[in-house]
Amino acid sequence: MSLKIENPPVTLRELCLNKVRNAIITGYFPSGKRLVERTLCEELGVSRSVVREVIRYLEAEGLVEILPNKGPIVSLLNWDIASQIYEIRLLLEQSAVVDCTQNLTDDKAEQIKSLLVELEKAFTNDDINLIIATSSELYETIFTIAKHYIAWEVVQRLNGRISRLRAMTMKSTQREISGYQRIKNMCEAIYLYKDSEMAKQAVAEHINEAALVAKNILDK
């Protein structure tokens, strides 16, 4: 007997959460925008209780903040916040790629290669939501292979803000090398060359360039 639920249904709250989260990440709801419950209810076609629950989740993710006498707004994103996120990413991702390289098996290497193919398709189709979702799945796979489970929990707590920065910088013309190529360099260092130092360097180059692009955008 198995108690496992196959293909669990997606709840209305989860659907709305994904819609509003993506609207913030992609800039449809810009920084500082008020999130009026009544308007969201009308746009999403759901009850106020569902909207309030969604706002609570997004507040926990750092994408929404509640201001006195004003209510919920899309959290402001400035360089002070962004720089700290990039610093955390650099530390956690460099450590993860080292152990991922050391723990890599043939089947795990195929997982990374397969996700890299999906990411290339997302970039080719200019599908920002798919780029963000596939990037997140790829990094989760790397952290899981590395057995950095607690580190991934930390990343998940920041994932909303990481995705927001990713959407802002990933396809920027300010990049010397495309965001996809940076990620490909990191992945190939892991599964093709099996060189942990090369993978660490690829992470540093990717994050440092993304941080520079983000700073230029946010300073304006």
Protein backbone atom coordinates (compact mmCIF):
# COMPACT_ATOMS: atom_id res chain seq x y z
CA MET A 1 0.00 0.00 0.00
CA SER A 2 1.28 3.45 -0.91
CA LEU A 3 0.04 6.72 0.52
CA LYS A 4 1.85 8.77 -2.10
CA ILE A 5 -0.37 11.16 -4.03
CA GLU A 6 0.48 11.07 -7.73
CA ASN A 7 0.18 14.37 -9.62
CA PRO A 8 -1.25 16.41 -6.73
CA PRO A 9 -3.66 19.10 -7.92
CA VAL A 10 -2.50 22.70 -8.09
CA THR A 11 -4.57 24.81 -5.73
CA LEU A 12 -6.16 28.13 -6.64
CA ARG A 13 -3.84 29.83 -4.16
CA GLU A 14 -0.78 28.33 -5.88
CA LEU A 15 -2.01 29.45 -9.29
CA CYS A 16 -2.56 33.00 -8.07
CA LEU A 17 0.74 33.03 -6.20
CA ASN A 18 2.62 32.06 -9.36
CA LYS A 19 0.75 34.68 -11.42
CA VAL A 20 1.50 37.56 -9.03
CA ARG A 21 5.06 36.41 -8.34
CA ASN A 22 5.80 36.31 -12.09
CA ALA A 23 4.18 39.72 -12.54
CA ILE A 24 6.61 41.15 -9.97
CA ILE A 25 9.67 39.27 -11.23
CA THR A 26 9.14 40.29 -14.84
CA GLY A 27 8.40 43.93 -13.94
CA TYR A 28 4.71 43.94 -14.87
CA PHE A 29 4.23 45.13 -11.29
CA PRO A 30 7.21 47.50 -10.81
CA SER A 31 8.98 48.43 -7.58
CA GLY A 32 6.83 50.51 -5.27
CA LYS A 33 3.53 49.65 -6.96
CA ARG A 34 0.62 49.40 -4.55
CA LEU A 35 -1.08 46.02 -4.57
CA VAL A 36 -4.74 46.88 -4.00
CA GLU A 37 -6.67 43.84 -2.83
CA ARG A 38 -9.89 44.74 -4.64
CA THR A 39 -8.07 45.29 -7.94
CA LEU A 40 -6.16 42.02 -7.61
CA CYS A 41 -9.39 40.18 -6.84
CA GLU A 42 -10.90 41.52 -10.06
CA GLU A 43 -7.80 40.83 -12.18
CA LEU A 44 -7.32 37.29 -10.86
CA GLY A 45 -11.00 36.44 -10.45
CA VAL A 46 -10.56 35.18 -6.89
CA SER A 47 -11.74 36.05 -3.38
CA ARG A 48 -10.08 38.55 -1.08
CA SER A 49 -9.01 35.76 1.29
CA VAL A 50 -6.97 34.13 -1.51
CA VAL A 51 -5.35 37.47 -2.39
CA ARG A 52 -4.44 38.12 1.24
CA GLU A 53 -2.85 34.67 1.51
CA VAL A 54 -0.83 35.30 -1.67
CA ILE A 55 0.39 38.65 -0.34
CA ARG A 56 1.52 37.00 2.91
CA TYR A 57 3.57 34.44 0.96
CA LEU A 58 5.14 37.12 -1.22
CA GLU A 59 5.97 39.20 1.85
CA ALA A 60 7.81 36.18 3.29
CA GLU A 61 9.75 35.89 0.00
CA GLY A 62 10.78 39.54 0.17
CA LEU A 63 8.86 40.51 -2.96
CA VAL A 64 6.18 42.48 -1.10
CA GLU A 65 6.34 44.79 1.90
CA ILE A 66 3.53 46.23 3.99
CA LEU A 67 3.70 49.96 4.60
CA PRO A 68 1.79 51.65 7.46
CA ASN A 69 -1.30 53.49 6.20
CA LYS A 70 -0.56 52.38 2.65
CA GLY A 71 -0.81 48.61 2.63
CA PRO A 72 1.14 46.14 0.47
CA ILE A 73 3.52 47.37 -2.23
CA VAL A 74 6.06 45.67 -4.47
CA SER A 75 9.30 45.73 -2.49
CA LEU A 76 11.86 48.29 -3.55
CA LEU A 77 15.01 46.77 -5.02
CA ASN A 78 18.19 48.78 -4.64
CA TRP A 79 21.89 48.06 -5.00
CA ASP A 80 22.43 47.66 -1.24
CA ILE A 81 19.99 44.72 -1.23
CA ALA A 82 21.13 43.33 -4.57
CA SER A 83 24.84 43.39 -3.65
CA GLN A 84 24.17 41.26 -0.56
CA ILE A 85 22.21 38.74 -2.61
CA TYR A 86 25.05 38.44 -5.12
CA GLU A 87 27.59 37.97 -2.30
CA ILE A 88 25.52 35.14 -0.81
CA ARG A 89 25.06 33.55 -4.22
CA LEU A 90 28.79 33.65 -4.92
CA LEU A 91 29.66 31.87 -1.68
CA LEU A 92 26.94 29.21 -1.91
CA GLU A 93 27.19 28.52 -5.65
CA GLN A 94 30.98 28.23 -5.73
CA SER A 95 30.86 25.75 -2.86
CA ALA A 96 28.03 23.81 -4.56
CA VAL A 97 29.74 23.45 -7.95
CA VAL A 98 32.90 22.10 -6.30
CA ASP A 99 31.05 19.31 -4.49
CA CYS A 100 28.74 18.74 -7.45
CA THR A 101 31.78 18.08 -9.65
CA GLN A 102 33.24 15.69 -7.09
CA ASN A 103 29.93 13.81 -6.62
CA LEU A 104 29.01 13.67 -10.31
CA THR A 105 27.86 10.38 -11.85
CA ASP A 106 26.99 9.69 -15.48
CA ASP A 107 23.25 9.86 -14.87
CA LYS A 108 23.56 13.12 -12.91
CA ALA A 109 25.67 14.59 -15.71
CA GLU A 110 22.85 13.74 -18.13
CA GLN A 111 20.38 15.58 -15.89
CA ILE A 112 22.49 18.74 -16.06
CA LYS A 113 22.96 18.43 -19.84
CA SER A 114 19.23 17.93 -20.36
CA LEU A 115 18.34 21.02 -18.32
CA LEU A 116 20.96 23.03 -20.19
CA VAL A 117 19.25 22.08 -23.47
CA GLU A 118 15.91 23.22 -22.04
CA LEU A 119 17.48 26.49 -20.90
CA GLU A 120 18.89 27.13 -24.38
CA LYS A 121 15.39 26.64 -25.86
CA ALA A 122 13.95 29.10 -23.33
CA PHE A 123 16.56 31.69 -24.32
CA THR A 124 15.97 31.06 -28.03
CA ASN A 125 12.23 31.57 -27.55
CA ASP A 126 12.85 34.64 -25.35
CA ASP A 127 10.53 33.13 -22.71
CA ILE A 128 11.53 34.92 -19.51
CA ASN A 129 9.25 32.85 -17.26
CA LEU A 130 10.67 29.60 -18.66
CA ILE A 131 14.23 30.97 -18.39
CA ILE A 132 13.70 31.69 -14.70
CA ALA A 133 11.96 28.36 -13.98
CA THR A 134 14.56 26.28 -15.84
CA SER A 135 17.48 28.19 -14.30
CA SER A 136 16.07 27.53 -10.84
CA GLU A 137 15.63 23.81 -11.62
CA LEU A 138 19.18 23.61 -12.94
CA TYR A 139 20.66 25.20 -9.82
CA GLU A 140 18.52 22.99 -7.59
CA THR A 141 19.94 19.95 -9.41
CA ILE A 142 23.51 21.18 -8.87
CA PHE A 143 22.92 21.83 -5.17
CA THR A 144 21.21 18.44 -4.77
CA ILE A 145 24.06 16.55 -6.46
CA ALA A 146 26.45 18.46 -4.18
CA LYS A 147 24.28 17.40 -1.19
CA HIS A 148 24.09 21.05 -0.11
CA TYR A 149 20.49 20.73 1.09
CA ILE A 150 20.61 23.45 3.75
CA ALA A 151 22.35 25.84 1.37
CA TRP A 152 19.56 25.25 -1.14
CA GLU A 153 16.99 26.08 1.55
CA VAL A 154 18.77 29.43 1.98
CA VAL A 155 18.72 30.00 -1.78
CA GLN A 156 15.01 29.16 -1.90
CA ARG A 157 14.32 31.82 0.71
CA LEU A 158 15.99 34.33 -1.63
CA ASN A 159 14.70 32.82 -4.85
CA GLY A 160 12.03 35.45 -5.49
CA ARG A 161 14.59 38.25 -5.32
CA ILE A 162 17.19 36.20 -7.20
CA SER A 163 14.67 35.63 -9.99
CA ARG A 164 13.80 39.32 -10.03
CA LEU A 165 17.46 40.22 -10.52
CA ARG A 166 17.86 37.43 -13.07
CA ALA A 167 14.96 38.79 -15.13
CA MET A 168 16.54 42.25 -14.98
CA THR A 169 20.04 41.22 -16.04
CA MET A 170 19.87 37.93 -17.96
CA LYS A 171 19.37 39.37 -21.46
CA SER A 172 20.99 42.76 -20.90
CA THR A 173 23.01 44.13 -23.82
CA GLN A 174 25.58 45.31 -21.25
CA ARG A 175 26.85 41.75 -20.90
CA GLU A 176 30.10 40.79 -22.59
CA ILE A 177 28.90 37.19 -22.77
CA SER A 178 25.24 36.11 -22.68
CA GLY A 179 23.72 34.83 -19.46
CA TYR A 180 23.07 31.47 -21.13
CA GLN A 181 26.71 31.15 -22.22
CA ARG A 182 27.90 31.95 -18.69
CA ILE A 183 25.70 29.17 -17.27
CA LYS A 184 26.80 26.80 -20.04
CA ASN A 185 30.46 27.48 -19.18
CA MET A 186 29.76 26.59 -15.55
CA CYS A 187 27.89 23.39 -16.44
CA GLU A 188 30.51 22.22 -18.94
CA ALA A 189 33.23 22.73 -16.33
CA ILE A 190 31.23 20.34 -14.13
CA TYR A 191 30.17 17.55 -16.50
CA LEU A 192 32.53 17.88 -19.47
CA TYR A 193 35.88 18.85 -17.94
CA LYS A 194 35.09 17.70 -14.38
CA ASP A 195 37.22 20.59 -13.16
CA SER A 196 35.98 22.07 -9.88
CA GLU A 197 38.32 25.07 -10.04
CA MET A 198 37.15 25.89 -13.55
CA ALA A 199 33.54 25.62 -12.34
CA LYS A 200 34.29 27.98 -9.43
CA GLN A 201 35.83 30.49 -11.81
CA ALA A 202 32.84 30.24 -14.14
CA VAL A 203 30.50 30.97 -11.22
CA ALA A 204 32.57 34.01 -10.23
CA GLU A 205 32.61 35.38 -13.78
CA HIS A 206 28.86 34.86 -14.17
CA ILE A 207 27.86 36.45 -10.86
CA ASN A 208 30.36 39.31 -11.01
CA GLU A 209 29.16 40.32 -14.47
CA ALA A 210 25.49 40.02 -13.46
CA ALA A 211 26.18 42.14 -10.38
CA LEU A 212 27.85 44.84 -12.47
CA VAL A 213 24.89 44.93 -14.88
CA ALA A 214 22.43 45.07 -11.97
CA LYS A 215 24.35 47.92 -10.33
CA ASN A 216 24.31 49.95 -13.55
CA ILE A 217 20.56 49.41 -13.93
CA LEU A 218 19.68 50.06 -10.28
CA ASP A 219 21.90 53.15 -10.00
CA LYS A 220 19.85 54.72 -12.78
